[in-house]
Amino acid sequence: QVQLVESGGGLVQAGGSLRLSCAASGSTFGINAIGWYRQAPGKQRELVADISSGGSTKYADSVKGRFTISRDNAKNTVYLQMNSLKPEDTAVYYCNAQMTWGIIHWGQGTQVTVSS
């Protein structure tokens, strides 16, 4: 089992920045990749960015150049640095851990609200 705890969400004005953290505990040795997803009201959950155990990263087109995903293996934590935030970035942000044996674990989510 892996437990994921997100933090760092909040209310920010357009153009501002936030850094989200996803702290993993438990069977972290089996994590293949960690991803950040978001879900806005009335919309489907979508991938924002993910990072593999080898450090490869992937971003949604809508956040490229503005968001950066990184990981601190010593702390079992993945970060999502979000700059130049827009109102359309408003959503609940979730992290997930994709295990080598196929299971996916989700955190509880953290709200990000960007005011115009």
Protein backbone atom coordinates (compact mmCIF):
# COMPACT_ATOMS: atom_id res chain seq x y z
CA GLN A 1 0.00 0.00 0.00
CA VAL A 2 1.03 3.57 -0.68
CA GLN A 3 -0.41 6.64 0.97
CA LEU A 4 -0.28 10.00 -0.79
CA VAL A 5 -0.83 13.35 0.88
CA GLU A 6 -1.12 16.50 -1.19
CA SER A 7 -0.57 19.99 0.17
CA GLY A 8 0.10 23.50 -1.03
CA GLY A 9 -3.18 24.41 -2.62
CA GLY A 10 -4.94 27.70 -2.00
CA LEU A 11 -6.29 30.91 -3.47
CA VAL A 12 -4.04 32.99 -5.70
CA GLN A 13 -4.52 35.83 -8.15
CA ALA A 14 -4.01 35.30 -11.85
CA GLY A 15 -0.33 35.50 -12.69
CA GLY A 16 0.70 34.20 -9.30
CA SER A 17 2.42 30.99 -8.28
CA LEU A 18 1.84 28.00 -6.05
CA ARG A 19 3.86 24.91 -5.29
CA LEU A 20 2.03 21.68 -4.63
CA SER A 21 3.61 18.78 -2.76
CA CYS A 22 2.74 15.11 -2.87
CA ALA A 23 4.31 13.11 -0.04
CA ALA A 24 4.33 9.34 -0.45
CA SER A 25 4.65 6.76 2.31
CA GLY A 26 4.34 3.00 2.58
CA SER A 27 5.56 0.75 -0.25
CA THR A 28 7.26 3.57 -2.12
CA PHE A 29 9.87 1.19 -3.58
CA GLY A 30 7.21 0.00 -6.01
CA ILE A 31 6.33 3.39 -7.46
CA ASN A 32 6.95 3.52 -11.20
CA ALA A 33 5.74 7.09 -11.76
CA ILE A 34 3.88 9.84 -9.95
CA GLY A 35 1.47 12.10 -11.72
CA TRP A 36 -0.49 15.25 -11.00
CA TYR A 37 -4.06 15.38 -12.28
CA ARG A 38 -6.76 17.98 -11.91
CA GLN A 39 -10.51 18.07 -12.06
CA ALA A 40 -12.53 21.22 -12.51
CA PRO A 41 -16.28 21.32 -11.72
CA GLY A 42 -18.25 19.57 -14.44
CA LYS A 43 -15.14 18.36 -16.22
CA GLN A 44 -13.24 15.10 -16.43
CA ARG A 45 -10.07 14.54 -14.50
CA GLU A 46 -7.08 15.29 -16.70
CA LEU A 47 -3.35 14.71 -16.56
CA VAL A 48 -1.33 17.80 -15.73
CA ALA A 49 2.17 16.32 -15.49
CA ASP A 50 3.93 13.18 -14.46
CA ILE A 51 7.44 12.04 -13.65
CA SER A 52 8.86 8.56 -13.90
CA SER A 53 11.19 6.84 -11.48
CA GLY A 54 13.97 7.63 -13.97
CA GLY A 55 13.12 11.30 -14.02
CA SER A 56 11.37 11.53 -17.38
CA THR A 57 8.61 14.12 -17.38
CA LYS A 58 5.45 14.68 -19.37
CA TYR A 59 3.17 17.73 -19.42
CA ALA A 60 -0.24 18.65 -20.72
CA ASP A 61 -0.02 21.19 -23.52
CA SER A 62 -2.03 23.68 -21.47
CA VAL A 63 0.65 23.89 -18.76
CA LYS A 64 3.87 23.54 -20.72
CA GLY A 65 6.25 26.38 -19.95
CA ARG A 66 4.31 27.35 -16.82
CA PHE A 67 4.36 24.24 -14.59
CA THR A 68 7.34 22.15 -13.53
CA ILE A 69 7.21 18.73 -11.93
CA SER A 70 10.12 17.51 -9.86
CA ARG A 71 10.88 14.88 -7.25
CA ASP A 72 12.97 14.58 -4.10
CA ASN A 73 13.64 10.87 -3.73
CA ALA A 74 15.13 11.28 -0.26
CA LYS A 75 11.83 12.75 0.95
CA ASN A 76 9.58 10.57 -1.25
CA THR A 77 7.96 13.79 -2.38
CA VAL A 78 6.95 15.10 -5.78
CA TYR A 79 6.40 18.79 -6.37
CA LEU A 80 4.40 20.73 -8.91
CA GLN A 81 5.62 24.30 -9.29
CA MET A 82 2.87 26.32 -10.93
CA ASN A 83 3.71 29.75 -12.31
CA SER A 84 1.73 32.27 -14.34
CA LEU A 85 -1.49 30.78 -13.05
CA LYS A 86 -4.70 31.40 -14.95
CA PRO A 87 -8.33 31.23 -13.82
CA GLU A 88 -8.73 28.13 -16.00
CA ASP A 89 -6.18 26.36 -13.78
CA THR A 90 -8.77 26.36 -11.00
CA ALA A 91 -9.46 22.76 -10.01
CA VAL A 92 -8.89 20.11 -7.39
CA TYR A 93 -5.39 18.76 -7.94
CA TYR A 94 -4.69 15.10 -7.20
CA CYS A 95 -1.50 13.14 -7.26
CA ASN A 96 -1.37 9.47 -8.12
CA ALA A 97 1.25 6.79 -7.83
CA GLN A 98 1.49 4.22 -10.58
CA MET A 99 2.91 1.01 -9.15
CA THR A 100 5.11 -1.42 -11.05
CA TRP A 101 2.52 -4.14 -10.43
CA GLY A 102 -0.25 -2.15 -12.08
CA ILE A 103 -2.09 -0.66 -9.11
CA ILE A 104 -2.75 3.10 -9.00
CA HIS A 105 -3.11 4.98 -5.72
CA TRP A 106 -4.68 8.43 -5.39
CA GLY A 107 -4.34 11.18 -2.86
CA GLN A 108 -7.27 13.09 -1.41
CA GLY A 109 -6.73 16.19 -3.52
CA THR A 110 -5.98 19.84 -2.84
CA GLN A 111 -8.00 22.80 -4.09
CA VAL A 112 -6.37 25.43 -6.28
CA THR A 113 -8.39 28.56 -7.00
CA VAL A 114 -7.10 31.27 -9.30
CA SER A 115 -8.99 34.56 -9.23
CA SER A 116 -9.08 36.91 -12.19
